[in-house]
Amino acid sequence: MTTPKKQSVPMTAWLENPAGRRVVLGQGQRRNEVLVFNSSARPPNGTVSLNYSLLGEGADLHLLIIFLDDAATPSPERMEIDLQIEHRAPRTRARATMRAIMNGRQSLNFPATVFVPATAGQTDTHLRCDALMLREGSFFRPMPALEILANDVKAGHAASSAPPDEESLFFLRTRGLSEKEARNMLIEAFLNHSLDGMAIKEGAKIEQLQEKIAGLFRYFVL
């Protein structure tokens, strides 16, 4: 059996504060998406549902979710980003990454489920969620889950949460940067690092995404 030919990768979709998302990928289709959420634009019920279904053989998804906890948000709030990825066909691939910048008193739950039924053999899927904890009082709760019913599958998940590295901050300060400049540089590096896994080879596109990420700092009050 021949592997379906991959379709060309479209320009990455960049969506800020989507109320929800449902994407279906057919045979050989590839998709890059960056979704940006911030606590000052919290949905009325506090929950965002994201659903991605890989229905065709050879479908390929690269997803980056960015959450910005704005310290200027007036009161503590809870937000939940519920992610569902379904591999419904064989030889599909997904890379999903959550990067959260926790900068205030907000609470973020991130339940994320990856489902691979028995009919979706040779699937390759990975889920990662990381949080940079800038201030005490923020709460980040990743809840990754894998439901794997097929054989011959590559699947995994990872999660972490930590404050900015003190040694890196000290190093940048010794190079003449202010504390705010050093912290912002580490935040930008934390976000840009997640672009490494995106299915984009053209340098111009990467530069455009990096420029957009640099522009996200308008949300912060440090």
C-alpha atoms as a PDB file:
ATOM      1  CA  MET A   1       0.000   0.000   0.000  1.00  0.00           C
ATOM      2  CA  THR A   2       1.402   3.404  -0.951  1.00  0.00           C
ATOM      3  CA  THR A   3       1.484   6.222   1.563  1.00  0.00           C
ATOM      4  CA  PRO A   4      -0.728   9.179   0.587  1.00  0.00           C
ATOM      5  CA  LYS A   5       1.246  12.075  -0.826  1.00  0.00           C
ATOM      6  CA  LYS A   6       1.474  14.990   1.578  1.00  0.00           C
ATOM      7  CA  GLN A   7      -0.248  18.172   0.483  1.00  0.00           C
ATOM      8  CA  SER A   8       1.681  21.433   0.669  1.00  0.00           C
ATOM      9  CA  VAL A   9       1.614  23.129   4.062  1.00  0.00           C
ATOM     10  CA  PRO A  10      -0.645  26.221   4.071  1.00  0.00           C
ATOM     11  CA  MET A  11       0.363  29.459   5.743  1.00  0.00           C
ATOM     12  CA  THR A  12       0.012  28.942   9.454  1.00  0.00           C
ATOM     13  CA  ALA A  13      -3.352  30.000  10.860  1.00  0.00           C
ATOM     14  CA  TRP A  14      -2.921  32.518  13.691  1.00  0.00           C
ATOM     15  CA  LEU A  15      -6.085  32.979  15.763  1.00  0.00           C
ATOM     16  CA  GLU A  16      -6.389  35.154  18.863  1.00  0.00           C
ATOM     17  CA  ASN A  17      -9.014  34.289  21.494  1.00  0.00           C
ATOM     18  CA  PRO A  18     -11.166  31.924  19.392  1.00  0.00           C
ATOM     19  CA  ALA A  19     -14.422  31.029  21.138  1.00  0.00           C
ATOM     20  CA  GLY A  20     -13.924  27.412  20.055  1.00  0.00           C
ATOM     21  CA  ARG A  21     -12.426  25.408  17.241  1.00  0.00           C
ATOM     22  CA  ARG A  22     -13.322  22.321  15.227  1.00  0.00           C
ATOM     23  CA  VAL A  23     -11.009  21.184  12.430  1.00  0.00           C
ATOM     24  CA  VAL A  24     -11.283  18.080  10.234  1.00  0.00           C
ATOM     25  CA  LEU A  25      -8.310  16.860   8.205  1.00  0.00           C
ATOM     26  CA  GLY A  26      -8.815  14.541   5.241  1.00  0.00           C
ATOM     27  CA  GLN A  27      -6.412  12.231   3.433  1.00  0.00           C
ATOM     28  CA  GLY A  28      -2.906  13.640   3.201  1.00  0.00           C
ATOM     29  CA  GLN A  29      -3.918  17.063   4.517  1.00  0.00           C
ATOM     30  CA  ARG A  30      -1.486  19.036   6.701  1.00  0.00           C
ATOM     31  CA  ARG A  31      -2.363  21.831   9.093  1.00  0.00           C
ATOM     32  CA  ASN A  32      -0.363  24.343  11.142  1.00  0.00           C
ATOM     33  CA  GLU A  33      -2.236  26.397  13.744  1.00  0.00           C
ATOM     34  CA  VAL A  34      -1.272  28.851  16.469  1.00  0.00           C
ATOM     35  CA  LEU A  35      -4.059  29.736  18.926  1.00  0.00           C
ATOM     36  CA  VAL A  36      -3.465  32.586  21.378  1.00  0.00           C
ATOM     37  CA  PHE A  37      -5.566  33.121  24.505  1.00  0.00           C
ATOM     38  CA  ASN A  38      -5.251  35.776  27.190  1.00  0.00           C
ATOM     39  CA  SER A  39      -6.989  36.029  30.555  1.00  0.00           C
ATOM     40  CA  SER A  40      -8.426  39.490  29.856  1.00  0.00           C
ATOM     41  CA  ALA A  41     -10.533  37.987  27.020  1.00  0.00           C
ATOM     42  CA  ARG A  42     -11.945  35.095  29.017  1.00  0.00           C
ATOM     43  CA  PRO A  43     -15.105  33.524  27.461  1.00  0.00           C
ATOM     44  CA  PRO A  44     -18.365  33.985  29.443  1.00  0.00           C
ATOM     45  CA  ASN A  45     -18.415  30.423  30.797  1.00  0.00           C
ATOM     46  CA  GLY A  46     -14.640  30.244  31.158  1.00  0.00           C
ATOM     47  CA  THR A  47     -14.270  27.220  28.856  1.00  0.00           C
ATOM     48  CA  VAL A  48     -12.928  26.895  25.307  1.00  0.00           C
ATOM     49  CA  SER A  49     -13.402  23.621  23.410  1.00  0.00           C
ATOM     50  CA  LEU A  50     -10.911  22.644  20.712  1.00  0.00           C
ATOM     51  CA  ASN A  51     -11.528  19.540  18.601  1.00  0.00           C
ATOM     52  CA  TYR A  52      -9.270  18.188  15.860  1.00  0.00           C
ATOM     53  CA  SER A  53     -10.241  15.078  13.895  1.00  0.00           C
ATOM     54  CA  LEU A  54      -7.717  13.413  11.604  1.00  0.00           C
ATOM     55  CA  LEU A  55     -10.112  11.458   9.393  1.00  0.00           C
ATOM     56  CA  GLY A  56      -7.911  10.690   6.394  1.00  0.00           C
ATOM     57  CA  GLU A  57      -4.842   8.507   6.075  1.00  0.00           C
ATOM     58  CA  GLY A  58      -1.628  10.509   6.290  1.00  0.00           C
ATOM     59  CA  ALA A  59      -3.238  13.608   7.857  1.00  0.00           C
ATOM     60  CA  ASP A  60      -0.701  15.747   9.748  1.00  0.00           C
ATOM     61  CA  LEU A  61      -1.448  18.337  12.466  1.00  0.00           C
ATOM     62  CA  HIS A  62       0.927  20.789  14.161  1.00  0.00           C
ATOM     63  CA  LEU A  63      -0.819  22.819  16.862  1.00  0.00           C
ATOM     64  CA  LEU A  64       0.596  25.468  19.200  1.00  0.00           C
ATOM     65  CA  ILE A  65      -1.606  26.910  21.970  1.00  0.00           C
ATOM     66  CA  ILE A  66      -0.367  29.998  23.820  1.00  0.00           C
ATOM     67  CA  PHE A  67      -2.027  31.235  27.036  1.00  0.00           C
ATOM     68  CA  LEU A  68      -1.124  34.665  28.451  1.00  0.00           C
ATOM     69  CA  ASP A  69      -2.124  35.344  32.038  1.00  0.00           C
ATOM     70  CA  ASP A  70      -2.342  39.137  32.115  1.00  0.00           C
ATOM     71  CA  ALA A  71      -1.500  40.548  35.552  1.00  0.00           C
ATOM     72  CA  ALA A  72      -3.822  43.482  34.775  1.00  0.00           C
ATOM     73  CA  THR A  73      -6.893  41.214  34.801  1.00  0.00           C
ATOM     74  CA  PRO A  74      -8.926  42.807  37.624  1.00  0.00           C
ATOM     75  CA  SER A  75      -9.957  39.723  39.591  1.00  0.00           C
ATOM     76  CA  PRO A  76      -8.947  36.068  39.909  1.00  0.00           C
ATOM     77  CA  GLU A  77     -10.655  33.912  37.308  1.00  0.00           C
ATOM     78  CA  ARG A  78     -10.637  30.271  36.248  1.00  0.00           C
ATOM     79  CA  MET A  79     -10.256  29.333  32.622  1.00  0.00           C
ATOM     80  CA  GLU A  80     -10.278  25.954  30.953  1.00  0.00           C
ATOM     81  CA  ILE A  81      -8.968  25.050  27.514  1.00  0.00           C
ATOM     82  CA  ASP A  82     -10.308  21.610  26.590  1.00  0.00           C
ATOM     83  CA  LEU A  83      -8.387  19.946  23.746  1.00  0.00           C
ATOM     84  CA  GLN A  84      -9.499  16.788  21.924  1.00  0.00           C
ATOM     85  CA  ILE A  85      -7.425  15.186  19.153  1.00  0.00           C
ATOM     86  CA  GLU A  86      -8.877  12.157  17.376  1.00  0.00           C
ATOM     87  CA  HIS A  87      -6.814   9.979  15.040  1.00  0.00           C
ATOM     88  CA  ARG A  88      -9.470   8.218  12.989  1.00  0.00           C
ATOM     89  CA  ALA A  89      -7.285   6.856  10.180  1.00  0.00           C
ATOM     90  CA  PRO A  90      -3.957   5.021   9.929  1.00  0.00           C
ATOM     91  CA  ARG A  91      -0.581   6.708   9.505  1.00  0.00           C
ATOM     92  CA  THR A  92      -1.725  10.064  10.878  1.00  0.00           C
ATOM     93  CA  ARG A  93       0.552  12.390  12.846  1.00  0.00           C
ATOM     94  CA  ALA A  94      -0.078  15.114  15.435  1.00  0.00           C
ATOM     95  CA  ARG A  95       2.120  17.427  17.480  1.00  0.00           C
ATOM     96  CA  ALA A  96       0.267  19.585  20.018  1.00  0.00           C
ATOM     97  CA  THR A  97       2.039  22.018  22.342  1.00  0.00           C
ATOM     98  CA  MET A  98       0.650  24.274  25.073  1.00  0.00           C
ATOM     99  CA  ARG A  99       2.783  27.169  26.338  1.00  0.00           C
ATOM    100  CA  ALA A 100       1.329  29.126  29.268  1.00  0.00           C
ATOM    101  CA  ILE A 101       2.746  32.353  30.706  1.00  0.00           C
ATOM    102  CA  MET A 102       1.289  32.650  34.220  1.00  0.00           C
ATOM    103  CA  ASN A 103       1.720  36.240  35.308  1.00  0.00           C
ATOM    104  CA  GLY A 104      -1.015  36.986  37.840  1.00  0.00           C
ATOM    105  CA  ARG A 105      -3.592  35.290  40.026  1.00  0.00           C
ATOM    106  CA  GLN A 106      -5.318  33.298  37.306  1.00  0.00           C
ATOM    107  CA  SER A 107      -6.146  29.587  37.256  1.00  0.00           C
ATOM    108  CA  LEU A 108      -5.814  27.578  34.041  1.00  0.00           C
ATOM    109  CA  ASN A 109      -6.979  24.000  33.559  1.00  0.00           C
ATOM    110  CA  PHE A 110      -5.806  22.203  30.446  1.00  0.00           C
ATOM    111  CA  PRO A 111      -7.559  18.860  29.953  1.00  0.00           C
ATOM    112  CA  ALA A 112      -6.205  17.325  26.749  1.00  0.00           C
ATOM    113  CA  THR A 113      -7.213  13.961  25.341  1.00  0.00           C
ATOM    114  CA  VAL A 114      -5.677  12.089  22.414  1.00  0.00           C
ATOM    115  CA  PHE A 115      -7.749   9.196  21.068  1.00  0.00           C
ATOM    116  CA  VAL A 116      -6.379   6.487  18.758  1.00  0.00           C
ATOM    117  CA  PRO A 117      -8.928   3.740  17.913  1.00  0.00           C
ATOM    118  CA  ALA A 118      -7.985   0.241  16.785  1.00  0.00           C
ATOM    119  CA  THR A 119      -8.342   1.269  13.127  1.00  0.00           C
ATOM    120  CA  ALA A 120      -5.641   3.967  13.341  1.00  0.00           C
ATOM    121  CA  GLY A 121      -2.462   1.918  13.311  1.00  0.00           C
ATOM    122  CA  GLN A 122       0.981   3.476  12.727  1.00  0.00           C
ATOM    123  CA  THR A 123      -0.188   6.731  14.265  1.00  0.00           C
ATOM    124  CA  ASP A 124       2.489   9.102  15.602  1.00  0.00           C
ATOM    125  CA  THR A 125       1.208  11.558  18.212  1.00  0.00           C
ATOM    126  CA  HIS A 126       2.662  13.662  21.001  1.00  0.00           C
ATOM    127  CA  LEU A 127       1.225  16.183  23.454  1.00  0.00           C
ATOM    128  CA  ARG A 128       3.280  18.640  25.507  1.00  0.00           C
ATOM    129  CA  CYS A 129       2.234  21.371  27.948  1.00  0.00           C
ATOM    130  CA  ASP A 130       4.601  23.770  29.730  1.00  0.00           C
ATOM    131  CA  ALA A 131       4.029  26.785  31.955  1.00  0.00           C
ATOM    132  CA  LEU A 132       6.349  29.619  32.895  1.00  0.00           C
ATOM    133  CA  MET A 133       5.331  30.772  36.384  1.00  0.00           C
ATOM    134  CA  LEU A 134       6.222  34.467  36.670  1.00  0.00           C
ATOM    135  CA  ARG A 135       4.455  35.259  39.930  1.00  0.00           C
ATOM    136  CA  GLU A 136       3.149  33.416  42.964  1.00  0.00           C
ATOM    137  CA  GLY A 137      -0.590  32.881  43.094  1.00  0.00           C
ATOM    138  CA  SER A 138      -1.076  31.574  39.561  1.00  0.00           C
ATOM    139  CA  PHE A 139      -2.302  28.016  39.086  1.00  0.00           C
ATOM    140  CA  PHE A 140      -1.692  25.781  36.072  1.00  0.00           C
ATOM    141  CA  ARG A 141      -3.171  22.301  35.935  1.00  0.00           C
ATOM    142  CA  PRO A 142      -2.341  20.187  32.862  1.00  0.00           C
ATOM    143  CA  MET A 143      -4.428  17.029  32.496  1.00  0.00           C
ATOM    144  CA  PRO A 144      -3.061  15.059  29.523  1.00  0.00           C
ATOM    145  CA  ALA A 145      -4.684  11.720  28.680  1.00  0.00           C
ATOM    146  CA  LEU A 146      -3.963   9.142  25.997  1.00  0.00           C
ATOM    147  CA  GLU A 147      -6.572   6.585  24.948  1.00  0.00           C
ATOM    148  CA  ILE A 148      -4.728   4.157  22.676  1.00  0.00           C
ATOM    149  CA  LEU A 149      -6.571   1.150  21.244  1.00  0.00           C
ATOM    150  CA  ALA A 150      -4.357   0.473  18.214  1.00  0.00           C
ATOM    151  CA  ASN A 151      -1.112  -1.458  17.939  1.00  0.00           C
ATOM    152  CA  ASP A 152       2.090  -0.139  16.357  1.00  0.00           C
ATOM    153  CA  VAL A 153       1.577   3.420  17.646  1.00  0.00           C
ATOM    154  CA  LYS A 154       4.027   6.098  18.767  1.00  0.00           C
ATOM    155  CA  ALA A 155       2.367   8.158  21.479  1.00  0.00           C
ATOM    156  CA  GLY A 156       3.550  10.242  24.405  1.00  0.00           C
ATOM    157  CA  HIS A 157       2.944  13.286  26.553  1.00  0.00           C
ATOM    158  CA  ALA A 158       4.929  15.562  28.857  1.00  0.00           C
ATOM    159  CA  ALA A 159       4.220  18.495  31.187  1.00  0.00           C
ATOM    160  CA  SER A 160       6.200  20.991  33.238  1.00  0.00           C
ATOM    161  CA  SER A 161       5.803  24.223  35.201  1.00  0.00           C
ATOM    162  CA  ALA A 162       8.626  26.335  36.627  1.00  0.00           C
ATOM    163  CA  PRO A 163       9.675  29.952  37.292  1.00  0.00           C
ATOM    164  CA  PRO A 164      12.237  31.684  35.057  1.00  0.00           C
ATOM    165  CA  ASP A 165      15.711  30.241  35.426  1.00  0.00           C
ATOM    166  CA  GLU A 166      17.618  32.383  37.936  1.00  0.00           C
ATOM    167  CA  GLU A 167      21.010  31.614  36.411  1.00  0.00           C
ATOM    168  CA  SER A 168      19.812  32.761  32.987  1.00  0.00           C
ATOM    169  CA  LEU A 169      18.375  35.954  34.480  1.00  0.00           C
ATOM    170  CA  PHE A 170      21.660  36.638  36.284  1.00  0.00           C
ATOM    171  CA  PHE A 171      23.635  36.031  33.088  1.00  0.00           C
ATOM    172  CA  LEU A 172      21.485  38.484  31.109  1.00  0.00           C
ATOM    173  CA  ARG A 173      21.702  41.094  33.872  1.00  0.00           C
ATOM    174  CA  THR A 174      25.497  40.884  33.793  1.00  0.00           C
ATOM    175  CA  ARG A 175      25.291  41.733  30.077  1.00  0.00           C
ATOM    176  CA  GLY A 176      23.664  45.060  30.855  1.00  0.00           C
ATOM    177  CA  LEU A 177      19.967  44.210  30.599  1.00  0.00           C
ATOM    178  CA  SER A 178      17.475  45.432  33.165  1.00  0.00           C
ATOM    179  CA  GLU A 179      15.491  42.863  35.134  1.00  0.00           C
ATOM    180  CA  LYS A 180      12.396  43.569  33.018  1.00  0.00           C
ATOM    181  CA  GLU A 181      14.358  43.256  29.761  1.00  0.00           C
ATOM    182  CA  ALA A 182      15.933  39.994  30.928  1.00  0.00           C
ATOM    183  CA  ARG A 183      12.575  38.512  31.951  1.00  0.00           C
ATOM    184  CA  ASN A 184      10.983  39.527  28.646  1.00  0.00           C
ATOM    185  CA  MET A 185      13.850  37.942  26.725  1.00  0.00           C
ATOM    186  CA  LEU A 186      13.331  34.649  28.584  1.00  0.00           C
ATOM    187  CA  ILE A 187       9.566  34.802  27.973  1.00  0.00           C
ATOM    188  CA  GLU A 188      10.070  35.375  24.252  1.00  0.00           C
ATOM    189  CA  ALA A 189      12.589  32.521  24.073  1.00  0.00           C
ATOM    190  CA  PHE A 190      10.133  30.250  25.918  1.00  0.00           C
ATOM    191  CA  LEU A 191       7.452  30.971  23.300  1.00  0.00           C
ATOM    192  CA  ASN A 192       9.741  30.900  20.267  1.00  0.00           C
ATOM    193  CA  HIS A 193      11.163  27.522  21.288  1.00  0.00           C
ATOM    194  CA  SER A 194       7.753  25.976  20.681  1.00  0.00           C
ATOM    195  CA  LEU A 195       7.972  26.962  16.997  1.00  0.00           C
ATOM    196  CA  ASP A 196      10.775  24.455  16.464  1.00  0.00           C
ATOM    197  CA  GLY A 197       8.289  21.639  15.984  1.00  0.00           C
ATOM    198  CA  MET A 198       6.052  23.447  13.522  1.00  0.00           C
ATOM    199  CA  ALA A 199       5.937  21.913  10.049  1.00  0.00           C
ATOM    200  CA  ILE A 200       7.320  25.014   8.351  1.00  0.00           C
ATOM    201  CA  LYS A 201      10.571  25.100   6.408  1.00  0.00           C
ATOM    202  CA  GLU A 202      10.445  28.547   4.854  1.00  0.00           C
ATOM    203  CA  GLY A 203      12.458  30.983   6.963  1.00  0.00           C
ATOM    204  CA  ALA A 204      10.182  33.899   6.093  1.00  0.00           C
ATOM    205  CA  LYS A 205       7.223  32.199   7.701  1.00  0.00           C
ATOM    206  CA  ILE A 206       9.151  31.473  10.872  1.00  0.00           C
ATOM    207  CA  GLU A 207      10.226  35.127  11.005  1.00  0.00           C
ATOM    208  CA  GLN A 208       6.613  36.251  10.634  1.00  0.00           C
ATOM    209  CA  LEU A 209       5.566  34.012  13.523  1.00  0.00           C
ATOM    210  CA  GLN A 210       8.441  35.269  15.682  1.00  0.00           C
ATOM    211  CA  GLU A 211       7.366  38.862  14.984  1.00  0.00           C
ATOM    212  CA  LYS A 212       3.822  38.012  16.030  1.00  0.00           C
ATOM    213  CA  ILE A 213       5.076  36.401  19.243  1.00  0.00           C
ATOM    214  CA  ALA A 214       7.163  39.491  20.009  1.00  0.00           C
ATOM    215  CA  GLY A 215       3.988  41.548  19.637  1.00  0.00           C
ATOM    216  CA  LEU A 216       2.196  39.518  22.309  1.00  0.00           C
ATOM    217  CA  PHE A 217       3.964  41.453  25.063  1.00  0.00           C
ATOM    218  CA  ARG A 218       1.352  44.199  24.787  1.00  0.00           C
ATOM    219  CA  TYR A 219      -0.774  41.972  27.044  1.00  0.00           C
ATOM    220  CA  PHE A 220       1.670  42.067  29.934  1.00  0.00           C
ATOM    221  CA  VAL A 221       1.978  44.366  32.900  1.00  0.00           C
ATOM    222  CA  LEU A 222       5.220  43.356  34.597  1.00  0.00           C
END
